[in-house]
Amino acid sequence: MKSIAKQARNRFVQNLLSRSAPDTIQCFRKRWPWVVALCVGLIVVSVLPLHSREHKTRNEDYGLGFSSEIAAPESEVLQAVDEVINDGIIQGSKEYNKDKYIDKASPATSSVLFPEWNGPGKAFYKVRTEVLAPINFKESNDEGTLAVRYIVQSKDPKHTVLRIDAVFVEQFRRIAHPSNGSVETAEYKDIQDHVDALELQKKQAQENEKHRQEVLAKQTLERKHEQDEASALATAQTSAETLEQHVENLRHQVERVVKAPGAQLKSAPFHSATNLKSLDAGAEVVILIVSPYWYGVETEDGQHGWISRGQLEPMP
């Protein structure tokens, strides 16, 4: 049809160009209704295919769902999905002339609005009943049930694939109205925000644990220093006590007391030697020289001399 209109338009233009100016004007006067009709027809023919293509594109946008890969392990995505399906809110839609989202939604293990999921991954659902004409669902103008399905599948230890689908089914006519993707996109963003929050919490926990380990290491090092100092002090005290004990033992070995009834301090180790001083019983002396029968001693007042070994006894 478009080709025939184009050929007619070309013949008309060529016919006009072959005429003189007055003839052209006269031709327009006689044939202007036909020209107007031709122009309108060309406009309709030109617009109609474009309109059909746009309508087809809009139809294809419905019911496609949403699928994306999240840079997080499956455990974190599952936790984020669990938090989202339990928040009671369906994002990306609203009831007729009501709030910016649909509330009073409930988590579910399955939904009759979707076929049973037998594919890879784990399926989760969030359902709201008695919702009135939710927006972003094709031609939805009645009350019914809105359900969202979440499929979580692990790709590798650090990546997880998440698929989200949403559908609205009228309560009485049981007509299904596919989503244009707004609900799926909004729910995905909510899940991604939860994953980001979990990652932030995990990073903060790691930093806190690192800080705790650093504090523990510092405390352990300080305690070790204290223990080393205490051990060194104890060793020094033990050494001092040992030295003092050793000195005391040496003193005990070299110190003697005069036996009763007393003794004479001789000038030489002989009985015939001159008496230097008389020592009372119990007088203390320090042995300086040892011979088989005599001790060379020093008295308490610092005088030196000799006393027979039989006249001295160990300190008590």
C-alpha atoms as a PDB file:
ATOM      1  CA  MET A   1       0.000   0.000   0.000  1.00  0.00           C
ATOM      2  CA  LYS A   2       2.813   2.363   0.850  1.00  0.00           C
ATOM      3  CA  SER A   3       4.531   1.613  -2.489  1.00  0.00           C
ATOM      4  CA  ILE A   4       1.370   2.426  -4.515  1.00  0.00           C
ATOM      5  CA  ALA A   5       0.932   5.733  -2.671  1.00  0.00           C
ATOM      6  CA  LYS A   6       4.532   6.613  -3.356  1.00  0.00           C
ATOM      7  CA  GLN A   7       4.165   5.936  -7.093  1.00  0.00           C
ATOM      8  CA  ALA A   8       1.022   8.070  -7.276  1.00  0.00           C
ATOM      9  CA  ARG A   9       2.739  10.909  -5.456  1.00  0.00           C
ATOM     10  CA  ASN A  10       5.710  10.789  -7.850  1.00  0.00           C
ATOM     11  CA  ARG A  11       3.468  10.880 -10.960  1.00  0.00           C
ATOM     12  CA  PHE A  12       1.570  13.822  -9.511  1.00  0.00           C
ATOM     13  CA  VAL A  13       4.770  15.782  -8.837  1.00  0.00           C
ATOM     14  CA  GLN A  14       6.158  15.074 -12.320  1.00  0.00           C
ATOM     15  CA  ASN A  15       2.886  16.237 -13.879  1.00  0.00           C
ATOM     16  CA  LEU A  16       3.072  19.494 -11.951  1.00  0.00           C
ATOM     17  CA  LEU A  17       6.684  20.116 -12.928  1.00  0.00           C
ATOM     18  CA  SER A  18       5.880  19.662 -16.638  1.00  0.00           C
ATOM     19  CA  ARG A  19       3.281  22.472 -16.535  1.00  0.00           C
ATOM     20  CA  SER A  20       3.783  26.222 -16.610  1.00  0.00           C
ATOM     21  CA  ALA A  21       3.155  28.282 -13.468  1.00  0.00           C
ATOM     22  CA  PRO A  22      -0.388  29.405 -14.434  1.00  0.00           C
ATOM     23  CA  ASP A  23      -1.304  25.895 -15.436  1.00  0.00           C
ATOM     24  CA  THR A  24       0.083  24.593 -12.149  1.00  0.00           C
ATOM     25  CA  ILE A  25      -2.008  27.015 -10.142  1.00  0.00           C
ATOM     26  CA  GLN A  26      -5.081  26.150 -12.165  1.00  0.00           C
ATOM     27  CA  CYS A  27      -4.358  22.458 -11.657  1.00  0.00           C
ATOM     28  CA  PHE A  28      -4.173  22.952  -7.890  1.00  0.00           C
ATOM     29  CA  ARG A  29      -7.513  24.806  -7.917  1.00  0.00           C
ATOM     30  CA  LYS A  30      -9.233  21.999  -9.729  1.00  0.00           C
ATOM     31  CA  ARG A  31      -7.651  19.134  -7.889  1.00  0.00           C
ATOM     32  CA  TRP A  32      -7.017  20.468  -4.331  1.00  0.00           C
ATOM     33  CA  PRO A  33      -9.537  18.102  -2.674  1.00  0.00           C
ATOM     34  CA  TRP A  34      -7.716  15.203  -4.253  1.00  0.00           C
ATOM     35  CA  VAL A  35      -4.325  16.604  -3.154  1.00  0.00           C
ATOM     36  CA  VAL A  36      -5.497  17.008   0.432  1.00  0.00           C
ATOM     37  CA  ALA A  37      -6.860  13.476   0.480  1.00  0.00           C
ATOM     38  CA  LEU A  38      -3.600  12.160  -0.956  1.00  0.00           C
ATOM     39  CA  CYS A  39      -1.531  13.970   1.698  1.00  0.00           C
ATOM     40  CA  VAL A  40      -3.730  12.692   4.505  1.00  0.00           C
ATOM     41  CA  GLY A  41      -3.454   9.183   3.125  1.00  0.00           C
ATOM     42  CA  LEU A  42       0.315   9.433   2.942  1.00  0.00           C
ATOM     43  CA  ILE A  43       0.461  10.636   6.553  1.00  0.00           C
ATOM     44  CA  VAL A  44      -1.757   7.776   7.717  1.00  0.00           C
ATOM     45  CA  VAL A  45       0.252   5.238   5.733  1.00  0.00           C
ATOM     46  CA  SER A  46       3.528   6.619   7.102  1.00  0.00           C
ATOM     47  CA  VAL A  47       2.374   6.751  10.701  1.00  0.00           C
ATOM     48  CA  LEU A  48       0.517   3.437  10.825  1.00  0.00           C
ATOM     49  CA  PRO A  49       3.546   1.109  10.638  1.00  0.00           C
ATOM     50  CA  LEU A  50       5.440   3.203  13.215  1.00  0.00           C
ATOM     51  CA  HIS A  51       2.440   3.089  15.559  1.00  0.00           C
ATOM     52  CA  SER A  52       2.208  -0.665  15.111  1.00  0.00           C
ATOM     53  CA  ARG A  53       5.916  -1.077  15.862  1.00  0.00           C
ATOM     54  CA  GLU A  54       5.697   1.089  18.996  1.00  0.00           C
ATOM     55  CA  HIS A  55       2.656  -0.829  20.204  1.00  0.00           C
ATOM     56  CA  LYS A  56       4.469  -4.098  19.635  1.00  0.00           C
ATOM     57  CA  THR A  57       7.517  -2.849  21.576  1.00  0.00           C
ATOM     58  CA  ARG A  58       5.383  -1.770  24.498  1.00  0.00           C
ATOM     59  CA  ASN A  59       3.722  -5.172  24.561  1.00  0.00           C
ATOM     60  CA  GLU A  60       7.105  -6.907  24.573  1.00  0.00           C
ATOM     61  CA  ASP A  61       8.166  -4.876  27.627  1.00  0.00           C
ATOM     62  CA  TYR A  62       5.528  -6.612  29.737  1.00  0.00           C
ATOM     63  CA  GLY A  63       6.238  -9.913  31.439  1.00  0.00           C
ATOM     64  CA  LEU A  64       9.993 -10.000  30.771  1.00  0.00           C
ATOM     65  CA  GLY A  65      10.922 -10.029  34.452  1.00  0.00           C
ATOM     66  CA  PHE A  66      14.342  -8.992  35.697  1.00  0.00           C
ATOM     67  CA  SER A  67      17.593 -10.936  36.030  1.00  0.00           C
ATOM     68  CA  SER A  68      20.999  -9.738  37.180  1.00  0.00           C
ATOM     69  CA  GLU A  69      24.234 -10.912  38.736  1.00  0.00           C
ATOM     70  CA  ILE A  70      25.141  -9.648  42.208  1.00  0.00           C
ATOM     71  CA  ALA A  71      28.768  -9.501  43.325  1.00  0.00           C
ATOM     72  CA  ALA A  72      28.139 -11.243  46.639  1.00  0.00           C
ATOM     73  CA  PRO A  73      28.063 -14.854  47.899  1.00  0.00           C
ATOM     74  CA  GLU A  74      24.769 -16.726  47.878  1.00  0.00           C
ATOM     75  CA  SER A  75      24.483 -16.633  51.687  1.00  0.00           C
ATOM     76  CA  GLU A  76      24.428 -12.822  51.716  1.00  0.00           C
ATOM     77  CA  VAL A  77      21.917 -12.588  48.851  1.00  0.00           C
ATOM     78  CA  LEU A  78      19.653 -15.122  50.586  1.00  0.00           C
ATOM     79  CA  GLN A  79      19.786 -13.046  53.761  1.00  0.00           C
ATOM     80  CA  ALA A  80      18.965  -9.865  51.820  1.00  0.00           C
ATOM     81  CA  VAL A  81      16.051 -11.575  50.018  1.00  0.00           C
ATOM     82  CA  ASP A  82      14.715 -12.886  53.333  1.00  0.00           C
ATOM     83  CA  GLU A  83      14.762  -9.354  54.771  1.00  0.00           C
ATOM     84  CA  VAL A  84      13.003  -7.928  51.708  1.00  0.00           C
ATOM     85  CA  ILE A  85      10.223 -10.542  51.476  1.00  0.00           C
ATOM     86  CA  ASN A  86       9.500  -9.998  55.165  1.00  0.00           C
ATOM     87  CA  ASP A  87       9.328  -6.188  55.032  1.00  0.00           C
ATOM     88  CA  GLY A  88       5.625  -6.233  53.987  1.00  0.00           C
ATOM     89  CA  ILE A  89       6.197  -3.853  51.045  1.00  0.00           C
ATOM     90  CA  ILE A  90       6.111  -4.338  47.263  1.00  0.00           C
ATOM     91  CA  GLN A  91       8.143  -1.604  45.612  1.00  0.00           C
ATOM     92  CA  GLY A  92       7.631  -0.213  42.102  1.00  0.00           C
ATOM     93  CA  SER A  93       3.816  -0.131  42.176  1.00  0.00           C
ATOM     94  CA  LYS A  94       0.895   1.330  44.101  1.00  0.00           C
ATOM     95  CA  GLU A  95      -2.830   0.850  44.385  1.00  0.00           C
ATOM     96  CA  TYR A  96      -5.226   3.123  42.562  1.00  0.00           C
ATOM     97  CA  ASN A  97      -4.731   6.707  43.874  1.00  0.00           C
ATOM     98  CA  LYS A  98      -2.934   5.490  46.998  1.00  0.00           C
ATOM     99  CA  ASP A  99       0.557   5.364  48.477  1.00  0.00           C
ATOM    100  CA  LYS A 100       3.877   5.245  46.637  1.00  0.00           C
ATOM    101  CA  TYR A 101       4.144   1.490  47.210  1.00  0.00           C
ATOM    102  CA  ILE A 102       1.959  -1.503  48.068  1.00  0.00           C
ATOM    103  CA  ASP A 103       1.998  -2.531  51.707  1.00  0.00           C
ATOM    104  CA  LYS A 104       0.528  -5.427  53.740  1.00  0.00           C
ATOM    105  CA  ALA A 105       2.350  -7.999  51.600  1.00  0.00           C
ATOM    106  CA  SER A 106       3.276 -11.337  53.154  1.00  0.00           C
ATOM    107  CA  PRO A 107       6.110 -13.819  52.520  1.00  0.00           C
ATOM    108  CA  ALA A 108       5.135 -17.185  51.044  1.00  0.00           C
ATOM    109  CA  THR A 109       6.782 -20.477  50.131  1.00  0.00           C
ATOM    110  CA  SER A 110       4.793 -20.706  46.882  1.00  0.00           C
ATOM    111  CA  SER A 111       2.105 -18.954  44.808  1.00  0.00           C
ATOM    112  CA  VAL A 112      -0.552 -20.290  42.457  1.00  0.00           C
ATOM    113  CA  LEU A 113       0.096 -17.258  40.248  1.00  0.00           C
ATOM    114  CA  PHE A 114       3.371 -18.888  39.142  1.00  0.00           C
ATOM    115  CA  PRO A 115       4.025 -22.445  37.958  1.00  0.00           C
ATOM    116  CA  GLU A 116       5.963 -24.639  40.376  1.00  0.00           C
ATOM    117  CA  TRP A 117       9.655 -23.805  40.164  1.00  0.00           C
ATOM    118  CA  ASN A 118      11.784 -26.843  39.252  1.00  0.00           C
ATOM    119  CA  GLY A 119      14.792 -25.020  37.877  1.00  0.00           C
ATOM    120  CA  PRO A 120      18.173 -24.357  39.529  1.00  0.00           C
ATOM    121  CA  GLY A 121      18.356 -22.160  42.596  1.00  0.00           C
ATOM    122  CA  LYS A 122      15.923 -21.404  45.413  1.00  0.00           C
ATOM    123  CA  ALA A 123      12.513 -19.746  44.946  1.00  0.00           C
ATOM    124  CA  PHE A 124      10.908 -17.239  47.346  1.00  0.00           C
ATOM    125  CA  TYR A 125       7.602 -15.350  47.125  1.00  0.00           C
ATOM    126  CA  LYS A 126       5.916 -12.202  48.435  1.00  0.00           C
ATOM    127  CA  VAL A 127       2.125 -11.913  47.972  1.00  0.00           C
ATOM    128  CA  ARG A 128      -0.500  -9.202  48.508  1.00  0.00           C
ATOM    129  CA  THR A 129      -4.193 -10.067  48.159  1.00  0.00           C
ATOM    130  CA  GLU A 130      -7.140  -7.713  47.562  1.00  0.00           C
ATOM    131  CA  VAL A 131      -4.999  -5.081  45.895  1.00  0.00           C
ATOM    132  CA  LEU A 132      -6.933  -2.603  43.731  1.00  0.00           C
ATOM    133  CA  ALA A 133      -5.729  -1.875  40.188  1.00  0.00           C
ATOM    134  CA  PRO A 134      -1.968  -1.743  40.838  1.00  0.00           C
ATOM    135  CA  ILE A 135      -0.029   0.455  38.421  1.00  0.00           C
ATOM    136  CA  ASN A 136       2.701  -0.819  36.068  1.00  0.00           C
ATOM    137  CA  PHE A 137       0.712  -3.943  35.236  1.00  0.00           C
ATOM    138  CA  LYS A 138      -0.811  -4.145  31.764  1.00  0.00           C
ATOM    139  CA  GLU A 139      -4.479  -3.043  31.695  1.00  0.00           C
ATOM    140  CA  SER A 140      -5.009  -3.731  35.396  1.00  0.00           C
ATOM    141  CA  ASN A 141      -8.348  -2.197  36.430  1.00  0.00           C
ATOM    142  CA  ASP A 142      -9.821  -4.569  38.972  1.00  0.00           C
ATOM    143  CA  GLU A 143      -9.138  -6.049  42.414  1.00  0.00           C
ATOM    144  CA  GLY A 144      -6.960  -9.104  42.711  1.00  0.00           C
ATOM    145  CA  THR A 145      -3.703 -10.640  43.938  1.00  0.00           C
ATOM    146  CA  LEU A 146      -0.185  -9.396  43.248  1.00  0.00           C
ATOM    147  CA  ALA A 147       2.719 -11.840  43.636  1.00  0.00           C
ATOM    148  CA  VAL A 148       6.479 -11.416  43.294  1.00  0.00           C
ATOM    149  CA  ARG A 149       8.825 -14.379  42.827  1.00  0.00           C
ATOM    150  CA  TYR A 150      12.566 -14.307  43.614  1.00  0.00           C
ATOM    151  CA  ILE A 151      14.958 -16.960  42.242  1.00  0.00           C
ATOM    152  CA  VAL A 152      18.396 -17.058  43.896  1.00  0.00           C
ATOM    153  CA  GLN A 153      21.106 -19.149  42.210  1.00  0.00           C
ATOM    154  CA  SER A 154      24.783 -19.325  43.132  1.00  0.00           C
ATOM    155  CA  LYS A 155      27.170 -18.732  40.227  1.00  0.00           C
ATOM    156  CA  ASP A 156      30.476 -19.035  42.107  1.00  0.00           C
ATOM    157  CA  PRO A 157      31.684 -18.339  45.666  1.00  0.00           C
ATOM    158  CA  LYS A 158      31.626 -14.569  45.056  1.00  0.00           C
ATOM    159  CA  HIS A 159      28.721 -14.091  42.608  1.00  0.00           C
ATOM    160  CA  THR A 160      24.994 -14.880  42.705  1.00  0.00           C
ATOM    161  CA  VAL A 161      22.309 -14.644  40.021  1.00  0.00           C
ATOM    162  CA  LEU A 162      18.984 -13.113  41.083  1.00  0.00           C
ATOM    163  CA  ARG A 163      15.803 -13.295  38.972  1.00  0.00           C
ATOM    164  CA  ILE A 164      12.605 -11.455  39.905  1.00  0.00           C
ATOM    165  CA  ASP A 165       9.149 -11.774  38.306  1.00  0.00           C
ATOM    166  CA  ALA A 166       5.892 -10.044  39.213  1.00  0.00           C
ATOM    167  CA  VAL A 167       2.299 -10.643  38.088  1.00  0.00           C
ATOM    168  CA  PHE A 168      -1.176  -9.362  38.988  1.00  0.00           C
ATOM    169  CA  VAL A 169      -4.223 -11.647  38.631  1.00  0.00           C
ATOM    170  CA  GLU A 170      -7.802 -10.363  38.872  1.00  0.00           C
ATOM    171  CA  GLN A 171      -9.866 -11.940  41.597  1.00  0.00           C
ATOM    172  CA  PHE A 172     -13.041 -12.675  39.585  1.00  0.00           C
ATOM    173  CA  ARG A 173     -12.082 -12.983  35.933  1.00  0.00           C
ATOM    174  CA  ARG A 174      -8.741 -14.627  36.783  1.00  0.00           C
ATOM    175  CA  ILE A 175      -7.036 -12.600  34.060  1.00  0.00           C
ATOM    176  CA  ALA A 176      -3.272 -12.314  34.501  1.00  0.00           C
ATOM    177  CA  HIS A 177      -1.676  -8.899  33.967  1.00  0.00           C
ATOM    178  CA  PRO A 178       2.107  -8.971  33.418  1.00  0.00           C
ATOM    179  CA  SER A 179       4.405  -6.344  34.909  1.00  0.00           C
ATOM    180  CA  ASN A 180       6.274  -3.789  32.829  1.00  0.00           C
ATOM    181  CA  GLY A 181       9.402  -4.378  34.939  1.00  0.00           C
ATOM    182  CA  SER A 182       8.975  -1.543  37.431  1.00  0.00           C
ATOM    183  CA  VAL A 183       8.235  -3.852  40.376  1.00  0.00           C
ATOM    184  CA  GLU A 184      11.107  -6.185  39.529  1.00  0.00           C
ATOM    185  CA  THR A 185      13.583  -3.323  39.132  1.00  0.00           C
ATOM    186  CA  ALA A 186      12.521  -1.630  42.385  1.00  0.00           C
ATOM    187  CA  GLU A 187      12.611  -4.896  44.354  1.00  0.00           C
ATOM    188  CA  TYR A 188      16.059  -5.683  42.929  1.00  0.00           C
ATOM    189  CA  LYS A 189      17.342  -2.273  44.026  1.00  0.00           C
ATOM    190  CA  ASP A 190      15.966  -2.899  47.513  1.00  0.00           C
ATOM    191  CA  ILE A 191      17.741  -6.270  47.663  1.00  0.00           C
ATOM    192  CA  GLN A 192      20.966  -4.735  46.337  1.00  0.00           C
ATOM    193  CA  ASP A 193      20.773  -2.058  49.056  1.00  0.00           C
ATOM    194  CA  HIS A 194      20.425  -4.795  51.685  1.00  0.00           C
ATOM    195  CA  VAL A 195      23.425  -6.660  50.202  1.00  0.00           C
ATOM    196  CA  ASP A 196      25.469  -3.447  50.260  1.00  0.00           C
ATOM    197  CA  ALA A 197      24.477  -2.914  53.901  1.00  0.00           C
ATOM    198  CA  LEU A 198      25.533  -6.491  54.727  1.00  0.00           C
ATOM    199  CA  GLU A 199      28.860  -5.965  52.957  1.00  0.00           C
ATOM    200  CA  LEU A 200      29.363  -2.752  54.911  1.00  0.00           C
ATOM    201  CA  GLN A 201      28.546  -4.546  58.169  1.00  0.00           C
ATOM    202  CA  LYS A 202      30.937  -7.361  57.273  1.00  0.00           C
ATOM    203  CA  LYS A 203      33.692  -4.875  56.425  1.00  0.00           C
ATOM    204  CA  GLN A 204      33.061  -2.991  59.668  1.00  0.00           C
ATOM    205  CA  ALA A 205      33.117  -6.271  61.606  1.00  0.00           C
ATOM    206  CA  GLN A 206      36.417  -7.201  59.950  1.00  0.00           C
ATOM    207  CA  GLU A 207      37.895  -3.815  60.821  1.00  0.00           C
ATOM    208  CA  ASN A 208      36.626  -4.141  64.404  1.00  0.00           C
ATOM    209  CA  GLU A 209      38.101  -7.634  64.652  1.00  0.00           C
ATOM    210  CA  LYS A 210      41.404  -6.382  63.240  1.00  0.00           C
ATOM    211  CA  HIS A 211      41.423  -3.549  65.777  1.00  0.00           C
ATOM    212  CA  ARG A 212      40.567  -6.008  68.566  1.00  0.00           C
ATOM    213  CA  GLN A 213      43.410  -8.302  67.520  1.00  0.00           C
ATOM    214  CA  GLU A 214      45.802  -5.350  67.467  1.00  0.00           C
ATOM    215  CA  VAL A 215      44.693  -4.320  70.979  1.00  0.00           C
ATOM    216  CA  LEU A 216      45.037  -7.915  72.216  1.00  0.00           C
ATOM    217  CA  ALA A 217      48.499  -8.183  70.662  1.00  0.00           C
ATOM    218  CA  LYS A 218      49.523  -4.914  72.320  1.00  0.00           C
ATOM    219  CA  GLN A 219      48.142  -6.052  75.673  1.00  0.00           C
ATOM    220  CA  THR A 220      49.881  -9.412  75.322  1.00  0.00           C
ATOM    221  CA  LEU A 221      53.170  -7.669  74.538  1.00  0.00           C
ATOM    222  CA  GLU A 222      52.738  -5.359  77.533  1.00  0.00           C
ATOM    223  CA  ARG A 223      51.962  -8.319  79.794  1.00  0.00           C
ATOM    224  CA  LYS A 224      55.033 -10.132  78.464  1.00  0.00           C
ATOM    225  CA  HIS A 225      57.169  -7.092  79.222  1.00  0.00           C
ATOM    226  CA  GLU A 226      55.707  -6.935  82.714  1.00  0.00           C
ATOM    227  CA  GLN A 227      56.298 -10.642  83.196  1.00  0.00           C
ATOM    228  CA  ASP A 228      59.866 -10.325  81.911  1.00  0.00           C
ATOM    229  CA  GLU A 229      60.498  -7.429  84.281  1.00  0.00           C
ATOM    230  CA  ALA A 230      58.952  -9.326  87.186  1.00  0.00           C
ATOM    231  CA  SER A 231      60.998 -12.412  86.298  1.00  0.00           C
ATOM    232  CA  ALA A 232      64.174 -10.353  86.051  1.00  0.00           C
ATOM    233  CA  LEU A 233      63.414  -8.737  89.416  1.00  0.00           C
ATOM    234  CA  ALA A 234      62.666 -12.109  90.976  1.00  0.00           C
ATOM    235  CA  THR A 235      65.882 -13.494  89.524  1.00  0.00           C
ATOM    236  CA  ALA A 236      67.801 -10.528  90.887  1.00  0.00           C
ATOM    237  CA  GLN A 237      66.168 -10.917  94.277  1.00  0.00           C
ATOM    238  CA  THR A 238      66.932 -14.638  94.234  1.00  0.00           C
ATOM    239  CA  SER A 239      70.499 -13.919  93.235  1.00  0.00           C
ATOM    240  CA  ALA A 240      70.817 -11.375  96.014  1.00  0.00           C
ATOM    241  CA  GLU A 241      69.316 -13.773  98.517  1.00  0.00           C
ATOM    242  CA  THR A 242      71.584 -16.551  97.261  1.00  0.00           C
ATOM    243  CA  LEU A 243      74.615 -14.310  97.544  1.00  0.00           C
ATOM    244  CA  GLU A 244      73.585 -13.195 100.997  1.00  0.00           C
ATOM    245  CA  GLN A 245      73.010 -16.803 102.009  1.00  0.00           C
ATOM    246  CA  HIS A 246      76.399 -17.739 100.581  1.00  0.00           C
ATOM    247  CA  VAL A 247      78.038 -14.937 102.532  1.00  0.00           C
ATOM    248  CA  GLU A 248      76.207 -16.076 105.644  1.00  0.00           C
ATOM    249  CA  ASN A 249      77.395 -19.620 105.077  1.00  0.00           C
ATOM    250  CA  LEU A 250      80.973 -18.431 104.635  1.00  0.00           C
ATOM    251  CA  ARG A 251      80.732 -16.360 107.770  1.00  0.00           C
ATOM    252  CA  HIS A 252      79.370 -19.340 109.652  1.00  0.00           C
ATOM    253  CA  GLN A 253      82.320 -21.383 108.422  1.00  0.00           C
ATOM    254  CA  VAL A 254      84.969 -18.866 109.511  1.00  0.00           C
ATOM    255  CA  GLU A 255      83.374 -17.542 112.708  1.00  0.00           C
ATOM    256  CA  ARG A 256      83.974 -19.266 116.022  1.00  0.00           C
ATOM    257  CA  VAL A 257      83.305 -18.633 119.734  1.00  0.00           C
ATOM    258  CA  VAL A 258      85.647 -19.226 122.652  1.00  0.00           C
ATOM    259  CA  LYS A 259      84.784 -22.233 124.819  1.00  0.00           C
ATOM    260  CA  ALA A 260      84.429 -21.958 128.579  1.00  0.00           C
ATOM    261  CA  PRO A 261      86.253 -21.073 130.715  1.00  0.00           C
ATOM    262  CA  GLY A 262      88.042 -18.841 128.158  1.00  0.00           C
ATOM    263  CA  ALA A 263      91.338 -18.803 126.256  1.00  0.00           C
ATOM    264  CA  GLN A 264      94.549 -16.900 125.792  1.00  0.00           C
ATOM    265  CA  LEU A 265      95.276 -15.172 122.508  1.00  0.00           C
ATOM    266  CA  LYS A 266      98.886 -16.191 121.700  1.00  0.00           C
ATOM    267  CA  SER A 267     101.380 -14.281 119.590  1.00  0.00           C
ATOM    268  CA  ALA A 268     102.398 -17.493 117.759  1.00  0.00           C
ATOM    269  CA  PRO A 269     100.966 -21.013 117.291  1.00  0.00           C
ATOM    270  CA  PHE A 270     102.858 -22.400 120.286  1.00  0.00           C
ATOM    271  CA  HIS A 271     101.837 -23.010 123.872  1.00  0.00           C
ATOM    272  CA  SER A 272     105.028 -21.256 124.999  1.00  0.00           C
ATOM    273  CA  ALA A 273     104.268 -18.162 122.930  1.00  0.00           C
ATOM    274  CA  THR A 274     103.505 -14.877 124.628  1.00  0.00           C
ATOM    275  CA  ASN A 275      99.919 -14.216 125.708  1.00  0.00           C
ATOM    276  CA  LEU A 276      98.501 -11.195 123.929  1.00  0.00           C
ATOM    277  CA  LYS A 277      95.082 -11.099 125.508  1.00  0.00           C
ATOM    278  CA  SER A 278      92.697 -13.121 127.616  1.00  0.00           C
ATOM    279  CA  LEU A 279      89.377 -13.961 125.857  1.00  0.00           C
ATOM    280  CA  ASP A 280      86.276 -14.712 127.876  1.00  0.00           C
ATOM    281  CA  ALA A 281      84.054 -17.698 127.126  1.00  0.00           C
ATOM    282  CA  GLY A 282      81.611 -16.888 124.290  1.00  0.00           C
ATOM    283  CA  ALA A 283      83.863 -14.247 122.714  1.00  0.00           C
ATOM    284  CA  GLU A 284      83.576 -14.301 118.938  1.00  0.00           C
ATOM    285  CA  VAL A 285      86.558 -14.506 116.621  1.00  0.00           C
ATOM    286  CA  VAL A 286      87.053 -14.838 112.861  1.00  0.00           C
ATOM    287  CA  ILE A 287      89.385 -17.492 111.534  1.00  0.00           C
ATOM    288  CA  LEU A 288      91.997 -16.083 109.158  1.00  0.00           C
ATOM    289  CA  ILE A 289      94.529 -18.935 109.052  1.00  0.00           C
ATOM    290  CA  VAL A 290      94.011 -22.646 109.521  1.00  0.00           C
ATOM    291  CA  SER A 291      96.750 -25.022 110.691  1.00  0.00           C
ATOM    292  CA  PRO A 292      96.476 -28.557 111.980  1.00  0.00           C
ATOM    293  CA  TYR A 293      96.354 -27.462 115.660  1.00  0.00           C
ATOM    294  CA  TRP A 294      95.949 -23.713 115.721  1.00  0.00           C
ATOM    295  CA  TYR A 295      93.710 -21.023 114.210  1.00  0.00           C
ATOM    296  CA  GLY A 296      95.012 -17.617 113.273  1.00  0.00           C
ATOM    297  CA  VAL A 297      92.109 -15.351 114.335  1.00  0.00           C
ATOM    298  CA  GLU A 298      90.892 -11.796 114.515  1.00  0.00           C
ATOM    299  CA  THR A 299      89.018 -10.641 117.637  1.00  0.00           C
ATOM    300  CA  GLU A 300      85.984  -8.379 117.673  1.00  0.00           C
ATOM    301  CA  ASP A 301      88.231  -5.400 118.436  1.00  0.00           C
ATOM    302  CA  GLY A 302      90.500  -6.222 115.455  1.00  0.00           C
ATOM    303  CA  GLN A 303      93.459  -7.789 117.268  1.00  0.00           C
ATOM    304  CA  HIS A 304      95.192 -10.718 115.563  1.00  0.00           C
ATOM    305  CA  GLY A 305      96.673 -13.793 117.267  1.00  0.00           C
ATOM    306  CA  TRP A 306      96.544 -17.560 117.615  1.00  0.00           C
ATOM    307  CA  ILE A 307      94.196 -19.811 119.569  1.00  0.00           C
ATOM    308  CA  SER A 308      94.345 -23.557 119.955  1.00  0.00           C
ATOM    309  CA  ARG A 309      91.645 -25.285 117.842  1.00  0.00           C
ATOM    310  CA  GLY A 310      90.342 -27.143 120.908  1.00  0.00           C
ATOM    311  CA  GLN A 311      89.489 -23.881 122.616  1.00  0.00           C
ATOM    312  CA  LEU A 312      87.027 -22.745 119.871  1.00  0.00           C
ATOM    313  CA  GLU A 313      83.659 -24.060 118.736  1.00  0.00           C
ATOM    314  CA  PRO A 314      81.286 -23.197 115.813  1.00  0.00           C
ATOM    315  CA  MET A 315      78.776 -20.376 116.108  1.00  0.00           C
ATOM    316  CA  PRO A 316      75.381 -21.518 117.393  1.00  0.00           C
END
